[in-house]
Amino acid sequence: MAQIGKAPCDDTLILHGSPSPTEEGACPEASKPWVLAAAIVGSSMAFIDGTVVNVALPAIQADLHATAFQAQWVVESYALLLAALLLVGGALGDRYGRRRIFAIGVVVFALSSVGCALAADVQQLIAARAIQGVGGALLVPGSLALISASFPEKERGKAIGTWSGFSGITAAVGPVLGGFLVDHFSWIWAFLINVPMALLVLWIVRRHVPESKGAAARGGLDLWGALLATAGLGGIVYAFIEAPTQGWRSPAVLAALVTGVVGSVGFVIAERRARTPMLPLSLLRIGNFSGANLLTLLLYAALGGGLYFFPLNLIQVQGYSATVAGAALLPFIFLMFALSGWAGQLVDRFGPRVPLVIGPAIAAVGFALFALPGVGASYWSGFLPAVVVLGFGMTVTVAPLTTTVMNAVGPDLAGVASGVNNAVSRAAAVLAIAVFGAIMAWAFDAALAERLEAMGASDEVRAFLAAERDRLAAAGAPPGADAATVAAVKRAVAESFVAGFRWVMLLSAGLAVLSAVSAWLMIRRTPVEKPDNNKP
């Protein structure tokens, strides 16, 4: 039987019989590349899924006869469960073993991906995507926690930069491959690409990744904290998703919002009283930790909300294929891959504040450039400049941001820190898609009404489009209409979508500017000494 011994990863406890490392605070050198590989491929599964589904969404919507609202829930059901359970997933890893929880997450994610591929209708697909979110909540925080536990602080920035770069490049393959499969086969293959990746990760984890736990593992799971955190995050996110459709006075929306607020307040009270809290509230008093998470909230709201509509613009308005739309962000990803190693060391050279102010400011310019192209724009002159500028801004930001979060806490709380930051980023994207969706619908309706008035549309055309408007750019012309009317309606719908898209991108630019301001005000110029989380 394995016995508890000195950890080969940081100062955590593990069930492991291997000798102690020669360097305190690090895994054996032979394990580090394997840990990094497992973290990269595992987290890439979730990253791929977050982008490939957007590319496949028009095909899914057409094949399953889904409304725009149902298509949005294909994205949101995954994001809702992921955001609600990320904090719990990180805490489970710290307490029961990061490798174990990470591997369980990979298995759940892979099986639910098969479930997505086998879905016969949109309701089944939404349910399978929700289970994918549960798997993602276990594996996503585990990937960064494994890195933080395996690499000492002086190597951590470079390791996280490598993770960021390679995760980005593998995530880039997903939309391109997914778009190709959608165009030439079926959207179901966009989900099945997760299966071979999962098998590879499980082989690496079983053979080469050591187990690690936080010191809080002795205290067991904070059950009340886990339940209240899930209720708080899940309730608030659900309310924002449903409010644009049902209205804020809807009983379901009000119940979800009350549940979220009560759960959040109850979580804070429970964590103050718990002997081994899932989230030690002392972390929130660390300026770099709080500042980095506020930056994450604002910037990832811009990124998730803005880029949700980008593939829809390319496919439904500009007329590009799913393959081309999937490749549209490749320059973004290549920049991340090429420069993330360099960006990961910026914190060591300049401290965290400089890159976390400059990066989001550059990203804001990129978002603003997305608002320029109209209907029929060329990708090379219309969208590529925006993609490149946004990609460079995010490259300067992502690795320093993650390094700042992980360095702000001790190694015992690596899973919790990763869970908090990932929960913030995912919740931000979910809320932004819901809020931006409402803004898009408002701007689309207003622009369409104006264009229908200008073209002198008949009452029949107006009534038909009133029923079709929830499909946004996928809205069609009335059956039996003459060719001129069909062309005019298509043009009006496309221009109305672009009008809404411009609103969304300018709001994204504003959020990116606010994230840069928050970093300037809250992030220290130089790294600070981490707190001793074992002190009362």
Protein backbone atom coordinates (compact mmCIF):
# COMPACT_ATOMS: atom_id res chain seq x y z
CA MET A 1 0.00 0.00 0.00
CA ALA A 2 1.28 3.46 -0.84
CA GLN A 3 2.09 5.62 2.11
CA ILE A 4 1.92 9.32 2.75
CA GLY A 5 5.33 10.77 2.26
CA LYS A 6 7.02 14.03 1.39
CA ALA A 7 5.49 15.50 -1.74
CA PRO A 8 7.36 15.42 -5.01
CA CYS A 9 5.34 18.51 -5.94
CA ASP A 10 5.79 21.62 -3.76
CA ASP A 11 5.01 21.05 -0.07
CA THR A 12 1.76 19.16 -0.64
CA LEU A 13 0.98 15.67 0.58
CA ILE A 14 0.57 12.79 -1.85
CA LEU A 15 0.00 9.07 -1.81
CA HIS A 16 3.24 8.22 -3.49
CA GLY A 17 6.22 6.04 -2.73
CA SER A 18 8.85 7.86 -4.77
CA PRO A 19 11.83 9.54 -3.11
CA SER A 20 11.82 13.24 -2.37
CA PRO A 21 13.08 15.58 -5.08
CA THR A 22 16.53 17.05 -4.94
CA GLU A 23 15.13 20.57 -5.23
CA GLU A 24 12.52 21.62 -2.71
CA GLY A 25 9.29 22.87 -4.21
CA ALA A 26 9.46 20.99 -7.48
CA CYS A 27 8.48 17.68 -9.02
CA PRO A 28 11.23 15.33 -10.24
CA GLU A 29 12.64 16.74 -13.47
CA ALA A 30 11.49 13.71 -15.49
CA SER A 31 7.86 14.33 -14.49
CA LYS A 32 7.68 18.01 -15.42
CA PRO A 33 7.36 17.66 -19.22
CA TRP A 34 4.67 15.02 -18.78
CA VAL A 35 2.73 17.15 -16.30
CA LEU A 36 2.89 20.06 -18.74
CA ALA A 37 1.78 17.84 -21.64
CA ALA A 38 -1.20 16.46 -19.70
CA ALA A 39 -2.23 19.97 -18.63
CA ILE A 40 -1.94 21.31 -22.18
CA VAL A 41 -3.88 18.55 -23.94
CA GLY A 42 -6.47 18.26 -21.16
CA SER A 43 -7.27 21.95 -20.98
CA SER A 44 -7.19 22.14 -24.78
CA MET A 45 -10.21 19.84 -24.87
CA ALA A 46 -12.24 22.48 -23.06
CA PHE A 47 -10.75 25.33 -25.10
CA ILE A 48 -11.49 23.53 -28.37
CA ASP A 49 -15.05 22.88 -27.30
CA GLY A 50 -15.55 26.54 -26.47
CA THR A 51 -14.62 27.57 -30.03
CA VAL A 52 -15.55 24.66 -32.29
CA VAL A 53 -19.19 24.76 -31.20
CA ASN A 54 -19.49 28.38 -32.35
CA VAL A 55 -18.26 27.32 -35.79
CA ALA A 56 -20.66 24.35 -35.90
CA LEU A 57 -23.60 26.34 -34.52
CA PRO A 58 -25.14 27.40 -37.87
CA ALA A 59 -25.11 23.75 -39.05
CA ILE A 60 -26.53 22.56 -35.72
CA GLN A 61 -29.24 25.22 -35.87
CA ALA A 62 -30.23 24.19 -39.39
CA ASP A 63 -30.02 20.43 -38.87
CA LEU A 64 -31.91 20.35 -35.57
CA HIS A 65 -34.33 23.16 -36.55
CA ALA A 66 -33.30 25.20 -33.53
CA THR A 67 -34.22 28.80 -32.83
CA ALA A 68 -31.53 31.38 -32.04
CA PHE A 69 -32.52 31.03 -28.37
CA GLN A 70 -32.04 27.23 -28.45
CA ALA A 71 -28.76 27.62 -30.34
CA GLN A 72 -27.58 30.01 -27.63
CA TRP A 73 -28.43 27.39 -25.01
CA VAL A 74 -26.20 24.87 -26.81
CA VAL A 75 -23.37 27.20 -25.79
CA GLU A 76 -24.81 28.40 -22.49
CA SER A 77 -25.73 25.00 -20.96
CA TYR A 78 -22.07 24.01 -21.11
CA ALA A 79 -20.87 27.37 -19.87
CA LEU A 80 -23.45 27.50 -17.05
CA LEU A 81 -22.43 24.19 -15.46
CA LEU A 82 -18.76 24.92 -16.08
CA ALA A 83 -18.94 28.30 -14.37
CA ALA A 84 -21.10 27.05 -11.49
CA LEU A 85 -18.80 24.13 -10.60
CA LEU A 86 -15.27 25.41 -11.35
CA LEU A 87 -14.65 26.55 -7.79
CA VAL A 88 -15.84 23.19 -6.49
CA GLY A 89 -13.68 21.37 -9.03
CA GLY A 90 -10.55 23.22 -7.92
CA ALA A 91 -11.28 22.54 -4.25
CA LEU A 92 -11.92 18.84 -4.92
CA GLY A 93 -8.51 18.55 -6.54
CA ASP A 94 -6.75 20.17 -3.57
CA ARG A 95 -8.49 17.82 -1.15
CA TYR A 96 -8.81 14.47 -2.94
CA GLY A 97 -5.92 14.61 -5.36
CA ARG A 98 -5.36 16.87 -8.36
CA ARG A 99 -4.43 14.04 -10.68
CA ARG A 100 -7.44 11.96 -9.66
CA ILE A 101 -10.02 14.73 -10.08
CA PHE A 102 -8.39 15.88 -13.32
CA ALA A 103 -8.61 12.36 -14.76
CA ILE A 104 -12.26 11.97 -13.70
CA GLY A 105 -13.03 15.26 -15.44
CA VAL A 106 -11.38 14.04 -18.64
CA VAL A 107 -13.47 10.84 -18.60
CA VAL A 108 -16.75 12.72 -17.99
CA PHE A 109 -15.89 15.23 -20.72
CA ALA A 110 -15.11 12.52 -23.27
CA LEU A 111 -18.24 10.46 -22.57
CA SER A 112 -20.49 13.52 -22.75
CA SER A 113 -18.84 14.51 -26.05
CA VAL A 114 -20.00 11.19 -27.45
CA GLY A 115 -23.44 12.00 -26.04
CA CYS A 116 -23.41 15.32 -27.94
CA ALA A 117 -22.57 13.53 -31.17
CA LEU A 118 -25.44 11.07 -30.68
CA ALA A 119 -28.06 13.73 -29.81
CA ALA A 120 -31.21 13.31 -31.90
CA ASP A 121 -32.68 16.74 -31.14
CA VAL A 122 -31.59 20.07 -29.72
CA GLN A 123 -32.89 19.29 -26.22
CA GLN A 124 -30.70 16.18 -26.00
CA LEU A 125 -27.73 18.17 -27.26
CA ILE A 126 -28.27 20.86 -24.63
CA ALA A 127 -28.41 18.18 -21.90
CA ALA A 128 -25.22 16.49 -23.11
CA ARG A 129 -23.48 19.87 -23.27
CA ALA A 130 -24.45 20.47 -19.64
CA ILE A 131 -22.73 17.23 -18.63
CA GLN A 132 -19.70 18.35 -20.63
CA GLY A 133 -19.67 21.42 -18.40
CA VAL A 134 -19.44 19.20 -15.31
CA GLY A 135 -16.44 17.39 -16.78
CA GLY A 136 -14.82 20.67 -17.75
CA ALA A 137 -15.25 22.01 -14.22
CA LEU A 138 -13.16 19.10 -12.92
CA LEU A 139 -10.40 19.17 -15.53
CA VAL A 140 -9.89 22.90 -16.22
CA PRO A 141 -8.73 24.04 -12.75
CA GLY A 142 -6.81 20.78 -12.38
CA SER A 143 -4.60 21.54 -15.37
CA LEU A 144 -3.21 24.75 -13.86
CA ALA A 145 -3.09 23.28 -10.36
CA LEU A 146 -0.89 20.44 -11.63
CA ILE A 147 1.51 22.97 -13.16
CA SER A 148 1.57 25.15 -10.05
CA ALA A 149 2.25 22.13 -7.84
CA SER A 150 4.95 20.78 -10.16
CA PHE A 151 7.04 23.87 -10.90
CA PRO A 152 8.73 26.16 -8.37
CA GLU A 153 7.87 29.86 -8.60
CA LYS A 154 10.99 30.80 -10.53
CA GLU A 155 10.00 28.35 -13.31
CA ARG A 156 6.25 28.79 -13.09
CA GLY A 157 5.90 31.84 -15.34
CA LYS A 158 7.71 30.15 -18.22
CA ALA A 159 5.74 26.91 -17.70
CA ILE A 160 2.42 28.76 -17.70
CA GLY A 161 3.50 30.67 -20.80
CA THR A 162 4.26 27.35 -22.53
CA TRP A 163 0.90 25.96 -21.39
CA SER A 164 -0.85 29.07 -22.71
CA GLY A 165 0.91 28.93 -26.08
CA PHE A 166 0.47 25.22 -26.76
CA SER A 167 -3.10 25.20 -25.44
CA GLY A 168 -3.83 27.98 -27.87
CA ILE A 169 -2.32 26.19 -30.86
CA THR A 170 -4.16 22.95 -30.11
CA ALA A 171 -7.36 24.93 -29.63
CA ALA A 172 -6.76 26.50 -33.04
CA VAL A 173 -6.72 23.10 -34.72
CA GLY A 174 -10.18 22.34 -33.32
CA PRO A 175 -12.21 25.05 -35.11
CA VAL A 176 -10.38 24.48 -38.40
CA LEU A 177 -10.81 20.73 -38.23
CA GLY A 178 -14.34 21.17 -36.91
CA GLY A 179 -15.21 23.53 -39.75
CA PHE A 180 -13.82 21.06 -42.29
CA LEU A 181 -15.84 18.23 -40.76
CA VAL A 182 -19.00 20.37 -40.71
CA ASP A 183 -18.55 21.31 -44.37
CA HIS A 184 -17.68 17.81 -45.65
CA PHE A 185 -19.31 15.39 -43.20
CA SER A 186 -21.46 16.43 -40.23
CA TRP A 187 -21.34 18.62 -37.13
CA ILE A 188 -21.34 15.49 -34.92
CA TRP A 189 -17.66 14.94 -35.76
CA ALA A 190 -16.85 18.31 -34.20
CA PHE A 191 -17.61 16.70 -30.82
CA LEU A 192 -15.95 13.34 -31.49
CA ILE A 193 -12.51 14.95 -31.93
CA ASN A 194 -12.40 15.13 -28.11
CA VAL A 195 -12.27 11.33 -27.72
CA PRO A 196 -8.71 10.62 -28.99
CA MET A 197 -7.41 13.62 -27.05
CA ALA A 198 -9.00 12.26 -23.86
CA LEU A 199 -7.40 8.83 -24.38
CA LEU A 200 -3.98 10.45 -24.81
CA VAL A 201 -4.39 12.52 -21.63
CA LEU A 202 -5.49 9.51 -19.58
CA TRP A 203 -2.46 7.51 -20.76
CA ILE A 204 -0.08 10.32 -19.79
CA VAL A 205 -1.74 10.83 -16.41
CA ARG A 206 -1.68 7.14 -15.55
CA ARG A 207 1.95 6.60 -16.53
CA HIS A 208 3.77 9.82 -15.75
CA VAL A 209 1.89 12.36 -13.59
CA PRO A 210 2.41 12.18 -9.79
CA GLU A 211 -0.47 12.80 -7.41
CA SER A 212 -0.57 15.92 -5.24
CA LYS A 213 -2.89 17.42 -2.65
CA GLY A 214 -3.13 20.62 -0.65
CA ALA A 215 -2.54 20.74 3.09
CA ALA A 216 -6.28 21.34 3.52
CA ALA A 217 -6.84 17.75 2.38
CA ARG A 218 -6.66 16.77 6.05
CA GLY A 219 -9.90 18.67 6.71
CA GLY A 220 -12.11 17.09 4.05
CA LEU A 221 -14.50 18.86 1.71
CA ASP A 222 -16.35 21.99 2.79
CA LEU A 223 -19.74 20.58 1.74
CA TRP A 224 -21.82 23.64 2.64
CA GLY A 225 -19.36 25.88 0.84
CA ALA A 226 -19.52 23.67 -2.26
CA LEU A 227 -23.33 23.65 -2.33
CA LEU A 228 -23.67 27.39 -1.72
CA ALA A 229 -20.98 28.29 -4.27
CA THR A 230 -22.74 26.21 -6.91
CA ALA A 231 -26.13 27.71 -6.07
CA GLY A 232 -24.73 31.24 -6.07
CA LEU A 233 -22.87 31.01 -9.37
CA GLY A 234 -25.49 28.86 -11.08
CA GLY A 235 -28.46 30.99 -10.00
CA ILE A 236 -26.97 34.31 -11.10
CA VAL A 237 -25.71 32.96 -14.42
CA TYR A 238 -29.05 31.28 -15.20
CA ALA A 239 -30.95 34.48 -14.42
CA PHE A 240 -28.83 36.50 -16.85
CA ILE A 241 -29.21 33.86 -19.56
CA GLU A 242 -33.00 33.70 -19.29
CA ALA A 243 -33.80 37.37 -18.58
CA PRO A 244 -33.47 38.59 -22.20
CA THR A 245 -36.07 36.05 -23.29
CA GLN A 246 -38.44 35.72 -20.32
CA GLY A 247 -37.96 39.18 -18.81
CA TRP A 248 -36.68 40.15 -15.37
CA ARG A 249 -40.16 39.81 -13.85
CA SER A 250 -40.50 36.17 -14.88
CA PRO A 251 -40.96 33.85 -11.85
CA ALA A 252 -38.19 31.55 -13.10
CA VAL A 253 -35.74 34.43 -13.55
CA LEU A 254 -36.59 36.01 -10.20
CA ALA A 255 -36.29 32.63 -8.44
CA ALA A 256 -32.89 32.01 -10.03
CA LEU A 257 -31.67 35.50 -9.17
CA VAL A 258 -32.82 35.19 -5.54
CA THR A 259 -31.19 31.76 -5.33
CA GLY A 260 -27.96 33.17 -6.71
CA VAL A 261 -27.86 36.15 -4.35
CA VAL A 262 -28.83 34.12 -1.27
CA GLY A 263 -26.36 31.40 -2.22
CA SER A 264 -23.55 33.92 -2.65
CA VAL A 265 -24.24 35.62 0.68
CA GLY A 266 -24.58 32.24 2.37
CA PHE A 267 -21.28 31.14 0.84
CA VAL A 268 -19.44 34.11 2.36
CA ILE A 269 -20.98 33.41 5.78
CA ALA A 270 -20.19 29.69 5.55
CA GLU A 271 -16.57 30.32 4.54
CA ARG A 272 -16.07 32.67 7.50
CA ARG A 273 -17.19 29.93 9.89
CA ALA A 274 -15.71 26.83 8.25
CA ARG A 275 -12.62 25.19 9.80
CA THR A 276 -11.26 24.29 6.38
CA PRO A 277 -13.05 26.67 3.99
CA MET A 278 -13.17 25.87 0.30
CA LEU A 279 -12.23 29.50 -0.42
CA PRO A 280 -10.26 31.17 2.39
CA LEU A 281 -11.62 34.73 2.35
CA SER A 282 -8.17 36.04 3.18
CA LEU A 283 -7.34 35.51 -0.49
CA LEU A 284 -9.70 38.30 -1.44
CA ARG A 285 -7.65 40.75 0.63
CA ILE A 286 -4.59 40.08 -1.51
CA GLY A 287 -4.45 43.00 -3.94
CA ASN A 288 -2.85 41.09 -6.80
CA PHE A 289 -5.33 38.21 -6.48
CA SER A 290 -8.42 40.45 -6.36
CA GLY A 291 -7.09 42.81 -9.03
CA ALA A 292 -6.21 39.97 -11.40
CA ASN A 293 -9.66 38.44 -11.01
CA LEU A 294 -11.41 41.78 -11.61
CA LEU A 295 -9.34 42.19 -14.77
CA THR A 296 -10.34 38.65 -15.75
CA LEU A 297 -14.03 39.43 -15.23
CA LEU A 298 -13.96 42.49 -17.47
CA LEU A 299 -11.62 41.26 -20.21
CA TYR A 300 -13.11 37.79 -20.59
CA ALA A 301 -16.61 39.27 -20.70
CA ALA A 302 -15.41 41.27 -23.70
CA LEU A 303 -13.70 38.27 -25.28
CA GLY A 304 -16.48 35.73 -24.72
CA GLY A 305 -19.33 38.07 -25.58
CA GLY A 306 -17.69 39.62 -28.62
CA LEU A 307 -16.24 36.52 -30.26
CA TYR A 308 -19.47 34.55 -29.83
CA PHE A 309 -20.94 36.59 -32.71
CA PHE A 310 -17.82 36.62 -34.92
CA PRO A 311 -18.31 33.20 -36.62
CA LEU A 312 -22.01 33.99 -37.12
CA ASN A 313 -21.00 37.20 -38.90
CA LEU A 314 -18.52 35.37 -41.15
CA ILE A 315 -20.85 32.49 -42.05
CA GLN A 316 -24.33 34.01 -42.11
CA VAL A 317 -23.51 37.56 -43.24
CA GLN A 318 -20.21 37.47 -45.13
CA GLY A 319 -20.93 34.08 -46.74
CA TYR A 320 -17.79 32.21 -45.68
CA SER A 321 -17.75 28.45 -45.17
CA ALA A 322 -17.49 26.90 -41.71
CA THR A 323 -13.91 25.85 -42.52
CA VAL A 324 -12.86 29.41 -43.35
CA ALA A 325 -14.69 30.77 -40.30
CA GLY A 326 -12.89 28.21 -38.14
CA ALA A 327 -9.57 29.39 -39.55
CA ALA A 328 -10.35 33.09 -39.09
CA LEU A 329 -8.77 33.25 -35.64
CA LEU A 330 -5.64 31.31 -36.59
CA PRO A 331 -3.45 34.46 -36.58
CA PHE A 332 -4.68 35.12 -33.02
CA ILE A 333 -3.69 31.60 -32.00
CA PHE A 334 -0.33 31.65 -33.78
CA LEU A 335 0.59 34.85 -31.98
CA MET A 336 -0.29 33.20 -28.67
CA PHE A 337 1.81 30.18 -29.56
CA ALA A 338 4.82 32.11 -30.80
CA LEU A 339 4.95 34.73 -28.06
CA SER A 340 3.45 33.16 -24.93
CA GLY A 341 6.82 31.88 -23.71
CA TRP A 342 8.15 35.44 -23.93
CA ALA A 343 4.97 36.87 -22.38
CA GLY A 344 5.14 34.39 -19.50
CA GLN A 345 8.44 35.94 -18.39
CA LEU A 346 7.22 39.54 -18.44
CA VAL A 347 6.11 39.33 -14.82
CA ASP A 348 9.64 38.34 -13.77
CA ARG A 349 11.18 41.22 -15.74
CA PHE A 350 8.74 44.07 -15.19
CA GLY A 351 6.37 42.96 -12.44
CA PRO A 352 2.70 42.16 -13.07
CA ARG A 353 1.26 45.66 -13.52
CA VAL A 354 2.96 46.68 -16.77
CA PRO A 355 1.83 43.77 -18.98
CA LEU A 356 -1.63 43.71 -17.35
CA VAL A 357 -2.20 47.36 -18.28
CA ILE A 358 -0.64 47.33 -21.75
CA GLY A 359 -2.13 44.01 -22.90
CA PRO A 360 -5.81 44.85 -22.32
CA ALA A 361 -5.29 48.33 -23.79
CA ILE A 362 -4.02 46.77 -27.03
CA ALA A 363 -6.92 44.29 -26.96
CA ALA A 364 -9.35 47.23 -26.74
CA VAL A 365 -7.97 48.59 -30.03
CA GLY A 366 -8.48 45.14 -31.59
CA PHE A 367 -12.12 45.01 -30.51
CA ALA A 368 -12.73 48.49 -31.90
CA LEU A 369 -11.29 47.42 -35.28
CA PHE A 370 -13.89 44.64 -35.48
CA ALA A 371 -16.59 47.33 -35.64
CA LEU A 372 -15.32 48.72 -38.95
CA PRO A 373 -16.15 46.08 -41.63
CA GLY A 374 -19.60 46.10 -43.25
CA VAL A 375 -21.49 43.58 -45.38
CA GLY A 376 -19.27 42.03 -48.07
CA ALA A 377 -16.02 42.96 -46.32
CA SER A 378 -12.83 41.16 -47.28
CA TYR A 379 -11.33 39.08 -44.49
CA TRP A 380 -7.80 40.26 -45.28
CA SER A 381 -8.51 43.99 -45.15
CA GLY A 382 -11.61 43.96 -42.95
CA PHE A 383 -11.13 41.40 -40.19
CA LEU A 384 -7.47 40.30 -40.19
CA PRO A 385 -6.12 43.57 -38.69
CA ALA A 386 -8.60 43.26 -35.81
CA VAL A 387 -7.71 39.59 -35.25
CA VAL A 388 -3.95 40.35 -35.18
CA VAL A 389 -4.21 43.34 -32.82
CA LEU A 390 -6.57 41.51 -30.47
CA GLY A 391 -4.32 38.45 -30.55
CA PHE A 392 -1.25 40.46 -29.62
CA GLY A 393 -3.09 42.18 -26.79
CA MET A 394 -4.31 38.89 -25.37
CA THR A 395 -0.84 37.34 -25.75
CA VAL A 396 0.66 40.11 -23.63
CA THR A 397 -2.11 39.58 -21.06
CA VAL A 398 -2.93 35.88 -20.64
CA ALA A 399 0.28 34.29 -19.34
CA PRO A 400 1.16 37.21 -16.99
CA LEU A 401 -2.43 37.22 -15.72
CA THR A 402 -2.40 33.50 -14.93
CA THR A 403 1.07 33.74 -13.38
CA THR A 404 -0.05 36.65 -11.19
CA VAL A 405 -3.06 34.70 -9.92
CA MET A 406 -1.06 31.55 -9.13
CA ASN A 407 1.88 33.44 -7.57
CA ALA A 408 -0.46 35.44 -5.32
CA VAL A 409 -1.26 32.34 -3.22
CA GLY A 410 0.74 29.53 -1.70
CA PRO A 411 1.01 26.10 -3.36
CA ASP A 412 -1.55 24.57 -0.98
CA LEU A 413 -4.30 26.61 -2.62
CA ALA A 414 -3.25 26.14 -6.25
CA GLY A 415 -6.49 24.34 -7.13
CA VAL A 416 -8.69 26.91 -5.41
CA ALA A 417 -6.84 29.82 -7.04
CA SER A 418 -7.17 28.22 -10.46
CA GLY A 419 -10.82 27.40 -9.78
CA VAL A 420 -11.62 30.97 -8.76
CA ASN A 421 -9.92 32.51 -11.78
CA ASN A 422 -11.44 30.05 -14.22
CA ALA A 423 -14.89 30.48 -12.62
CA VAL A 424 -14.58 34.25 -13.03
CA SER A 425 -13.54 33.96 -16.67
CA ARG A 426 -16.26 31.46 -17.57
CA ALA A 427 -18.99 33.27 -15.66
CA ALA A 428 -17.91 36.51 -17.35
CA ALA A 429 -18.27 34.92 -20.78
CA VAL A 430 -21.69 33.44 -19.95
CA LEU A 431 -23.03 36.73 -18.60
CA ALA A 432 -21.58 38.65 -21.52
CA ILE A 433 -23.17 36.34 -24.12
CA ALA A 434 -26.52 36.78 -22.38
CA VAL A 435 -26.23 40.56 -22.03
CA PHE A 436 -24.65 41.08 -25.45
CA GLY A 437 -27.32 38.81 -26.92
CA ALA A 438 -29.99 41.17 -25.61
CA ILE A 439 -28.08 44.18 -26.97
CA MET A 440 -27.63 42.46 -30.32
CA ALA A 441 -31.37 41.65 -30.49
CA TRP A 442 -32.29 45.26 -29.65
CA ALA A 443 -29.91 46.75 -32.20
CA PHE A 444 -30.90 44.17 -34.84
CA ASP A 445 -34.63 44.85 -34.38
CA ALA A 446 -34.17 48.62 -34.54
CA ALA A 447 -31.96 48.47 -37.63
CA LEU A 448 -34.23 45.97 -39.39
CA ALA A 449 -37.33 48.08 -38.76
CA GLU A 450 -35.52 51.10 -40.22
CA ARG A 451 -34.40 49.21 -43.32
CA LEU A 452 -37.80 47.63 -43.93
CA GLU A 453 -39.32 51.10 -43.76
CA ALA A 454 -36.75 52.42 -46.24
CA MET A 455 -37.39 49.61 -48.73
CA GLY A 456 -41.18 49.99 -48.45
CA ALA A 457 -41.69 46.40 -47.34
CA SER A 458 -45.21 45.01 -47.49
CA ASP A 459 -47.19 44.01 -44.41
CA GLU A 460 -46.67 40.37 -45.36
CA VAL A 461 -42.89 40.76 -45.37
CA ARG A 462 -42.94 42.66 -42.07
CA ALA A 463 -45.12 40.01 -40.41
CA PHE A 464 -42.91 37.19 -41.67
CA LEU A 465 -39.70 38.84 -40.42
CA ALA A 466 -41.32 39.63 -37.08
CA ALA A 467 -41.67 35.86 -36.58
CA GLU A 468 -38.14 35.23 -37.92
CA ARG A 469 -36.25 37.94 -36.00
CA ASP A 470 -35.15 35.61 -33.20
CA ARG A 471 -33.01 33.84 -35.83
CA LEU A 472 -31.03 37.07 -36.36
CA ALA A 473 -28.82 36.73 -39.45
CA ALA A 474 -30.38 33.34 -40.26
CA ALA A 475 -33.77 34.99 -40.87
CA GLY A 476 -35.09 34.33 -44.36
CA ALA A 477 -37.52 35.89 -46.84
CA PRO A 478 -41.20 34.93 -47.12
CA PRO A 479 -41.84 31.82 -49.26
CA GLY A 480 -43.02 32.70 -52.74
CA ALA A 481 -41.48 36.19 -52.72
CA ASP A 482 -39.99 37.45 -55.98
CA ALA A 483 -36.22 37.54 -56.50
CA ALA A 484 -35.93 41.29 -55.92
CA THR A 485 -37.77 41.07 -52.60
CA VAL A 486 -35.66 38.11 -51.48
CA ALA A 487 -32.44 39.99 -52.30
CA ALA A 488 -33.65 43.16 -50.53
CA VAL A 489 -34.70 41.22 -47.41
CA LYS A 490 -31.39 39.36 -47.26
CA ARG A 491 -29.50 42.64 -47.55
CA ALA A 492 -31.60 44.27 -44.83
CA VAL A 493 -31.12 41.31 -42.48
CA ALA A 494 -27.34 41.23 -43.08
CA GLU A 495 -26.94 44.99 -42.54
CA SER A 496 -29.06 44.81 -39.38
CA PHE A 497 -26.85 42.05 -37.96
CA VAL A 498 -23.74 44.12 -38.71
CA ALA A 499 -25.31 47.07 -36.89
CA GLY A 500 -25.78 44.93 -33.80
CA PHE A 501 -22.29 43.42 -34.20
CA ARG A 502 -20.77 46.90 -34.12
CA TRP A 503 -22.53 47.68 -30.84
CA VAL A 504 -21.22 44.45 -29.36
CA MET A 505 -17.62 45.07 -30.42
CA LEU A 506 -17.54 48.67 -29.18
CA LEU A 507 -18.88 47.51 -25.81
CA SER A 508 -16.17 44.85 -25.76
CA ALA A 509 -13.57 47.56 -26.40
CA GLY A 510 -14.94 49.56 -23.47
CA LEU A 511 -14.73 46.55 -21.13
CA ALA A 512 -11.12 45.94 -22.20
CA VAL A 513 -10.25 49.57 -21.37
CA LEU A 514 -11.87 49.16 -17.93
CA SER A 515 -9.83 46.00 -17.33
CA ALA A 516 -6.61 47.93 -18.04
CA VAL A 517 -7.70 50.65 -15.59
CA SER A 518 -8.46 48.05 -12.91
CA ALA A 519 -4.97 46.59 -13.30
CA TRP A 520 -3.39 50.04 -12.96
CA LEU A 521 -5.32 50.71 -9.75
CA MET A 522 -5.13 47.31 -8.03
CA ILE A 523 -2.05 45.38 -9.23
CA ARG A 524 1.25 46.10 -7.51
CA ARG A 525 4.24 47.06 -9.65
CA THR A 526 6.33 44.22 -8.25
CA PRO A 527 5.32 40.75 -7.01
CA VAL A 528 4.51 40.53 -3.31
CA GLU A 529 5.44 37.88 -0.83
CA LYS A 530 2.78 35.17 -0.73
CA PRO A 531 0.80 34.81 2.49
CA ASP A 532 1.23 31.84 4.77
CA ASN A 533 -2.17 30.19 4.35
CA ASN A 534 -1.50 27.88 7.29
CA LYS A 535 -1.62 30.75 9.74
CA PRO A 536 -4.96 31.37 11.48
